[in-house]
Amino acid sequence: MRKAVEKALQHWRNQGLLTVEQVAELTTSLEEHERGEESGRAAAIFGSIGAVLTGLGVILFVASNWAGMGPTTRTLVLLGGYGVVVAAAVLAERRGLPRVAESVWLLATLVLGANIFLFAQTFHLSLTYWQGTCGWMIGALAMGYARQSVAQAAVAVPIGILTLGWMGGGSGWFFDDQLQFLYVDAGLRPVLPILGLGLIALSALVAARDDLTWLRTPTFRWGTAITAGSLIITTINGDMARWFYSADFTLKQILVMVVTAGMVAAAFWKGELESRWSRPALAGTMVFLLSMLLPPGGGLLVWGDVGFWVLAFFLYVLAVFALALFSIWLGISARNT
């Protein structure tokens, strides 16, 4: 990008549209802007890391002294700790430290999640996993909307996935084991890449809304990581692929497929996408992933005799490889100034 801008400035100077002094001023301004962007990005990254480490430290400190506290003391500690963090965030804002304040607000969201589960333990409330994470997700989304914060969205997305995974789909509704949704055929595992694609479609949809653009980057990055990670894992060997896509077609799995298909269709028509090839890529990937699940008796990698299964896995690996190359080309072409 920098070279393209310098070339453009030189072109306009040669055309007589800019003087040498104006080119020098614009170049200096560009350098100052780039330095500010780099320092701001570094501050955001290290501030977020600091918030996570501080949050873990606070949680571990409280947990190490938890057994010796009564219900009243526990309640005061949890409310007081959250109040102190919020007060620190407000103070940082008033002192003109917006990046520090953003990191402390992120810490407040982490403390909120810990408080939800610690309150439940104190008063013997059964959260059945998903209820606690659902409340935490709602808090993170509310904070993110109020502050238009990308960091809050980055926390809310994985918490939302955990909530969806724990909300039934294994041995029964609302009472699954903690990790059961990842290893049983009735859980979230078979539709994880489709769920990731849904997050990518969501990022294209929220980009058109000024009040929701804070969701765009986290949903796109989490969606890309989940989809790409699932596809990479399933190319290890044929047995892994067959196990991964073996689904029981529970209500939750069907809803994930239907809702994602609807979001992909909405993104195809109304989404804000970087390249004209993004729409067919989005729709084609959705069809490709559904073909792994939907045909009678299971997807192309699940049913058939041994000979067909081996051929199907070979074609699947080629398709994933082609999709990876096409994604690289699409990303480069979308950023072509």
Protein backbone atom coordinates (compact mmCIF):
# COMPACT_ATOMS: atom_id res chain seq x y z
CA MET A 1 0.00 0.00 0.00
CA ARG A 2 2.82 2.42 0.92
CA LYS A 3 4.54 1.95 -2.45
CA ALA A 4 1.26 2.46 -4.29
CA VAL A 5 0.65 5.75 -2.47
CA GLU A 6 4.17 6.98 -3.17
CA LYS A 7 3.79 6.07 -6.84
CA ALA A 8 0.47 7.96 -6.97
CA LEU A 9 2.02 11.05 -5.37
CA GLN A 10 4.89 10.95 -7.85
CA HIS A 11 2.43 10.61 -10.74
CA TRP A 12 0.42 13.63 -9.59
CA ARG A 13 3.62 15.67 -9.18
CA ASN A 14 4.68 14.79 -12.71
CA GLN A 15 1.24 15.84 -13.93
CA GLY A 16 1.65 19.21 -12.22
CA LEU A 17 -1.25 18.59 -9.81
CA LEU A 18 1.04 18.66 -6.75
CA THR A 19 4.15 20.67 -5.99
CA VAL A 20 7.33 19.20 -4.52
CA GLU A 21 6.48 20.82 -1.18
CA GLN A 22 2.99 19.33 -1.16
CA VAL A 23 4.34 15.86 -1.95
CA ALA A 24 6.81 16.19 0.94
CA GLU A 25 4.04 17.29 3.33
CA LEU A 26 1.77 14.42 2.30
CA THR A 27 4.61 11.89 2.63
CA THR A 28 5.42 13.16 6.13
CA SER A 29 1.76 13.00 7.10
CA LEU A 30 1.54 9.43 5.80
CA GLU A 31 4.60 8.37 7.82
CA GLU A 32 3.15 9.92 11.00
CA HIS A 33 -0.15 8.15 10.38
CA GLU A 34 1.58 4.79 9.88
CA ARG A 35 3.60 5.21 13.06
CA GLY A 36 0.42 6.03 14.96
CA GLU A 37 -1.36 2.99 13.50
CA GLU A 38 1.50 0.66 14.43
CA SER A 39 1.83 1.98 17.98
CA GLY A 40 -1.94 1.91 18.45
CA ARG A 41 -2.17 -1.67 17.24
CA ALA A 42 0.68 -2.72 19.52
CA ALA A 43 -0.96 -0.98 22.48
CA ALA A 44 -4.25 -2.75 21.78
CA ILE A 45 -2.57 -6.17 21.52
CA PHE A 46 -0.46 -5.87 24.67
CA GLY A 47 -3.31 -4.18 26.53
CA SER A 48 -5.59 -7.11 25.74
CA ILE A 49 -2.92 -9.62 26.80
CA GLY A 50 -2.44 -7.67 30.02
CA ALA A 51 -6.19 -7.66 30.67
CA VAL A 52 -6.38 -11.45 30.21
CA LEU A 53 -3.37 -12.08 32.47
CA THR A 54 -4.70 -9.70 35.12
CA GLY A 55 -8.12 -11.35 34.95
CA LEU A 56 -6.59 -14.79 35.40
CA GLY A 57 -4.55 -13.52 38.32
CA VAL A 58 -7.61 -12.04 40.04
CA ILE A 59 -9.63 -15.23 39.47
CA LEU A 60 -6.82 -17.45 40.79
CA PHE A 61 -6.34 -15.23 43.85
CA VAL A 62 -10.05 -15.34 44.69
CA ALA A 63 -10.22 -19.09 44.01
CA SER A 64 -7.26 -19.84 46.30
CA ASN A 65 -9.07 -18.16 49.23
CA TRP A 66 -12.57 -19.22 48.24
CA ALA A 67 -13.00 -22.14 50.64
CA GLY A 68 -12.37 -19.97 53.69
CA MET A 69 -15.04 -17.39 52.84
CA GLY A 70 -18.69 -17.38 53.81
CA PRO A 71 -21.52 -16.49 51.40
CA THR A 72 -21.63 -12.85 52.53
CA THR A 73 -17.88 -12.38 52.20
CA ARG A 74 -17.89 -14.06 48.80
CA THR A 75 -20.67 -11.78 47.56
CA LEU A 76 -18.89 -8.66 48.79
CA VAL A 77 -15.59 -9.76 47.22
CA LEU A 78 -17.20 -10.47 43.84
CA LEU A 79 -19.24 -7.26 43.72
CA GLY A 80 -16.38 -5.20 45.10
CA GLY A 81 -13.88 -6.63 42.62
CA TYR A 82 -16.14 -5.91 39.68
CA GLY A 83 -16.83 -2.40 41.00
CA VAL A 84 -13.11 -1.66 41.31
CA VAL A 85 -12.42 -2.78 37.73
CA VAL A 86 -15.29 -0.68 36.35
CA ALA A 87 -14.14 2.34 38.37
CA ALA A 88 -10.60 1.89 37.00
CA ALA A 89 -11.95 1.80 33.44
CA VAL A 90 -13.97 4.99 33.97
CA LEU A 91 -10.97 6.71 35.58
CA ALA A 92 -8.71 5.75 32.66
CA GLU A 93 -11.22 7.25 30.23
CA ARG A 94 -11.47 10.48 32.17
CA ARG A 95 -7.67 10.72 32.28
CA GLY A 96 -7.57 10.57 28.47
CA LEU A 97 -6.22 7.02 28.18
CA PRO A 98 -8.68 5.39 25.77
CA ARG A 99 -6.60 2.28 25.00
CA VAL A 100 -5.93 1.60 28.65
CA ALA A 101 -9.63 2.09 29.34
CA GLU A 102 -10.56 -0.38 26.59
CA SER A 103 -8.26 -3.01 28.07
CA VAL A 104 -9.75 -2.50 31.53
CA TRP A 105 -13.29 -2.76 30.12
CA LEU A 106 -12.23 -6.07 28.60
CA LEU A 107 -10.98 -7.09 32.05
CA ALA A 108 -14.40 -6.15 33.45
CA THR A 109 -16.06 -8.56 30.99
CA LEU A 110 -13.69 -11.37 32.03
CA VAL A 111 -14.43 -10.68 35.70
CA LEU A 112 -18.14 -10.70 34.88
CA GLY A 113 -17.84 -14.23 33.50
CA ALA A 114 -15.97 -15.43 36.58
CA ASN A 115 -18.53 -13.79 38.85
CA ILE A 116 -21.44 -15.53 37.13
CA PHE A 117 -20.03 -18.98 37.86
CA LEU A 118 -18.73 -18.09 41.33
CA PHE A 119 -22.11 -16.67 42.34
CA ALA A 120 -23.75 -19.86 41.09
CA GLN A 121 -21.35 -21.94 43.18
CA THR A 122 -21.91 -19.81 46.27
CA PHE A 123 -25.69 -20.10 46.18
CA HIS A 124 -25.80 -23.64 44.70
CA LEU A 125 -27.41 -22.56 41.42
CA SER A 126 -27.28 -25.13 38.60
CA LEU A 127 -26.21 -23.36 35.41
CA THR A 128 -26.05 -26.63 33.40
CA TYR A 129 -23.04 -25.08 31.60
CA TRP A 130 -24.87 -23.20 28.83
CA GLN A 131 -26.83 -20.83 31.07
CA GLY A 132 -23.68 -19.37 32.60
CA THR A 133 -21.90 -18.86 29.28
CA CYS A 134 -25.11 -17.48 27.75
CA GLY A 135 -25.30 -14.78 30.41
CA TRP A 136 -21.60 -14.05 29.94
CA MET A 137 -22.06 -13.77 26.17
CA ILE A 138 -24.99 -11.37 26.58
CA GLY A 139 -22.88 -9.21 28.90
CA ALA A 140 -19.96 -9.15 26.45
CA LEU A 141 -22.25 -8.27 23.52
CA ALA A 142 -23.95 -5.51 25.51
CA MET A 143 -20.58 -4.05 26.46
CA GLY A 144 -19.35 -4.40 22.90
CA TYR A 145 -22.39 -2.61 21.48
CA ALA A 146 -22.18 0.17 24.05
CA ARG A 147 -18.51 0.77 23.36
CA GLN A 148 -18.35 -0.45 19.74
CA SER A 149 -15.49 -2.65 20.92
CA VAL A 150 -13.80 -5.25 18.71
CA ALA A 151 -12.14 -6.82 21.79
CA GLN A 152 -15.52 -7.49 23.41
CA ALA A 153 -16.74 -9.18 20.22
CA ALA A 154 -13.59 -11.33 20.12
CA VAL A 155 -14.56 -12.64 23.57
CA ALA A 156 -18.30 -12.97 22.86
CA VAL A 157 -17.93 -15.16 19.73
CA PRO A 158 -16.14 -18.17 21.32
CA ILE A 159 -18.37 -17.91 24.40
CA GLY A 160 -21.39 -18.04 22.08
CA ILE A 161 -20.02 -21.16 20.38
CA LEU A 162 -19.55 -22.81 23.78
CA THR A 163 -23.12 -21.87 24.69
CA LEU A 164 -24.46 -23.42 21.51
CA GLY A 165 -22.35 -26.54 22.01
CA TRP A 166 -23.46 -27.06 25.59
CA MET A 167 -27.12 -26.35 24.81
CA GLY A 168 -28.14 -29.96 24.23
CA GLY A 169 -27.15 -32.25 21.39
CA GLY A 170 -25.60 -35.15 23.27
CA SER A 171 -27.24 -37.35 25.88
CA GLY A 172 -30.06 -34.86 26.35
CA TRP A 173 -31.08 -31.22 26.16
CA PHE A 174 -29.26 -28.84 28.52
CA PHE A 175 -27.40 -31.53 30.51
CA ASP A 176 -24.51 -32.63 28.28
CA ASP A 177 -21.04 -33.36 29.59
CA GLN A 178 -18.70 -30.41 29.24
CA LEU A 179 -16.88 -31.67 26.14
CA GLN A 180 -19.46 -34.13 24.88
CA PHE A 181 -20.58 -31.80 22.09
CA LEU A 182 -17.15 -32.16 20.47
CA TYR A 183 -16.87 -35.94 20.33
CA VAL A 184 -20.40 -37.35 19.97
CA ASP A 185 -22.15 -37.61 16.61
CA ALA A 186 -25.13 -35.74 18.04
CA GLY A 187 -23.02 -32.73 19.06
CA LEU A 188 -21.67 -29.68 17.33
CA ARG A 189 -18.58 -31.35 15.80
CA PRO A 190 -20.04 -32.45 12.41
CA VAL A 191 -21.36 -28.97 11.66
CA LEU A 192 -18.40 -26.95 13.00
CA PRO A 193 -17.10 -25.92 9.54
CA ILE A 194 -20.64 -24.91 8.54
CA LEU A 195 -20.93 -22.88 11.74
CA GLY A 196 -17.63 -21.19 10.88
CA LEU A 197 -18.94 -20.35 7.43
CA GLY A 198 -22.01 -18.85 9.09
CA LEU A 199 -19.74 -16.53 11.09
CA ILE A 200 -18.01 -15.46 7.86
CA ALA A 201 -21.42 -14.71 6.31
CA LEU A 202 -22.37 -12.77 9.46
CA SER A 203 -19.24 -10.62 9.11
CA ALA A 204 -20.35 -9.66 5.60
CA LEU A 205 -23.85 -8.80 6.83
CA VAL A 206 -22.85 -6.64 9.81
CA ALA A 207 -20.40 -4.68 7.64
CA ALA A 208 -23.39 -2.91 6.08
CA ARG A 209 -24.54 -1.63 9.50
CA ASP A 210 -22.59 1.26 11.00
CA ASP A 211 -23.60 0.30 14.54
CA LEU A 212 -22.46 -3.32 14.09
CA THR A 213 -19.14 -2.98 12.28
CA TRP A 214 -17.35 -3.79 15.56
CA LEU A 215 -18.51 -7.37 15.04
CA ARG A 216 -17.07 -7.72 11.54
CA THR A 217 -13.41 -8.55 12.14
CA PRO A 218 -13.88 -10.95 15.11
CA THR A 219 -16.67 -12.92 13.40
CA PHE A 220 -14.65 -13.19 10.20
CA ARG A 221 -11.47 -14.32 11.95
CA TRP A 222 -13.18 -16.81 14.24
CA GLY A 223 -15.22 -18.14 11.33
CA THR A 224 -12.14 -18.52 9.16
CA ALA A 225 -10.20 -20.26 11.96
CA ILE A 226 -13.03 -22.73 12.68
CA THR A 227 -13.71 -23.54 9.02
CA ALA A 228 -10.07 -23.81 7.97
CA GLY A 229 -9.11 -25.72 11.12
CA SER A 230 -11.89 -28.27 10.60
CA LEU A 231 -10.94 -28.80 6.95
CA ILE A 232 -7.25 -29.23 7.79
CA ILE A 233 -7.96 -31.75 10.56
CA THR A 234 -10.21 -33.82 8.31
CA THR A 235 -7.49 -34.27 5.69
CA ILE A 236 -5.26 -36.19 8.14
CA ASN A 237 -6.71 -39.52 6.98
CA GLY A 238 -9.94 -41.06 5.76
CA ASP A 239 -10.96 -42.41 9.16
CA MET A 240 -10.66 -38.96 10.73
CA ALA A 241 -12.79 -37.44 7.96
CA ARG A 242 -15.48 -40.12 8.25
CA TRP A 243 -15.62 -39.71 12.02
CA PHE A 244 -15.69 -35.92 11.85
CA TYR A 245 -18.65 -35.70 9.43
CA SER A 246 -20.70 -38.51 11.01
CA ALA A 247 -23.84 -36.73 12.20
CA ASP A 248 -27.04 -37.84 13.92
CA PHE A 249 -28.95 -34.91 12.39
CA THR A 250 -30.27 -33.67 15.70
CA LEU A 251 -32.51 -30.61 15.82
CA LYS A 252 -29.54 -28.43 16.75
CA GLN A 253 -27.44 -29.70 13.83
CA ILE A 254 -30.30 -29.15 11.39
CA LEU A 255 -30.90 -25.66 12.75
CA VAL A 256 -27.20 -24.79 12.36
CA MET A 257 -27.29 -25.93 8.72
CA VAL A 258 -30.56 -24.14 7.93
CA VAL A 259 -29.64 -20.87 9.66
CA THR A 260 -26.17 -20.85 8.10
CA ALA A 261 -27.62 -21.50 4.63
CA GLY A 262 -29.97 -18.57 5.18
CA MET A 263 -27.13 -16.31 6.31
CA VAL A 264 -24.98 -17.31 3.34
CA ALA A 265 -27.90 -16.53 1.02
CA ALA A 266 -28.42 -13.16 2.72
CA ALA A 267 -24.69 -12.38 2.48
CA PHE A 268 -24.76 -13.40 -1.20
CA TRP A 269 -27.44 -10.82 -1.97
CA LYS A 270 -26.98 -8.10 0.66
CA GLY A 271 -23.58 -8.64 2.26
CA GLU A 272 -20.64 -6.29 1.89
CA LEU A 273 -17.91 -8.45 0.34
CA GLU A 274 -14.41 -7.49 -0.77
CA SER A 275 -14.36 -9.07 -4.22
CA ARG A 276 -16.82 -10.06 -6.94
CA TRP A 277 -15.57 -13.65 -6.53
CA SER A 278 -16.46 -13.70 -2.82
CA ARG A 279 -20.12 -14.49 -3.47
CA PRO A 280 -19.60 -17.63 -5.56
CA ALA A 281 -16.82 -18.70 -3.16
CA LEU A 282 -19.16 -18.36 -0.17
CA ALA A 283 -22.02 -20.22 -1.85
CA GLY A 284 -19.73 -22.90 -3.33
CA THR A 285 -18.10 -23.60 0.05
CA MET A 286 -21.53 -23.98 1.63
CA VAL A 287 -22.60 -26.52 -1.01
CA PHE A 288 -19.29 -28.36 -0.61
CA LEU A 289 -19.67 -28.66 3.17
CA LEU A 290 -23.31 -29.75 2.93
CA SER A 291 -22.32 -32.49 0.47
CA MET A 292 -20.23 -34.00 3.28
CA LEU A 293 -23.37 -34.41 5.41
CA LEU A 294 -26.63 -34.46 3.52
CA PRO A 295 -26.81 -37.31 0.92
CA PRO A 296 -28.90 -40.34 2.07
CA GLY A 297 -27.04 -42.38 4.65
CA GLY A 298 -24.50 -39.63 5.24
CA GLY A 299 -22.19 -37.47 3.15
CA LEU A 300 -19.82 -38.53 0.41
CA LEU A 301 -17.17 -39.54 2.95
CA VAL A 302 -19.52 -41.59 5.13
CA TRP A 303 -21.41 -43.95 2.83
CA GLY A 304 -20.34 -46.30 0.01
CA ASP A 305 -18.06 -49.32 -0.32
CA VAL A 306 -14.35 -49.22 0.42
CA GLY A 307 -13.30 -48.42 -3.14
CA PHE A 308 -15.65 -45.46 -3.44
CA TRP A 309 -14.74 -44.26 0.05
CA VAL A 310 -11.02 -44.13 -0.79
CA LEU A 311 -11.74 -42.29 -4.03
CA ALA A 312 -14.10 -39.89 -2.25
CA PHE A 313 -11.46 -39.06 0.36
CA PHE A 314 -8.85 -38.46 -2.35
CA LEU A 315 -11.22 -36.09 -4.14
CA TYR A 316 -12.06 -34.42 -0.82
CA VAL A 317 -8.39 -33.67 -0.11
CA LEU A 318 -7.98 -32.25 -3.61
CA ALA A 319 -11.07 -30.09 -3.11
CA VAL A 320 -9.76 -28.74 0.22
CA PHE A 321 -6.38 -28.01 -1.38
CA ALA A 322 -8.07 -26.20 -4.28
CA LEU A 323 -10.22 -24.23 -1.84
CA ALA A 324 -7.10 -23.19 0.08
CA LEU A 325 -5.37 -21.96 -3.09
CA PHE A 326 -8.52 -20.15 -4.20
CA SER A 327 -8.80 -18.49 -0.77
CA ILE A 328 -5.22 -17.19 -1.08
CA TRP A 329 -5.92 -15.84 -4.56
CA LEU A 330 -9.19 -14.27 -3.40
CA GLY A 331 -7.52 -12.58 -0.46
CA ILE A 332 -4.77 -11.12 -2.64
CA SER A 333 -7.17 -9.95 -5.35
CA ALA A 334 -9.47 -8.31 -2.79
CA ARG A 335 -6.56 -6.22 -1.49
CA ASN A 336 -5.31 -5.25 -4.96
CA THR A 337 -5.36 -1.44 -4.86
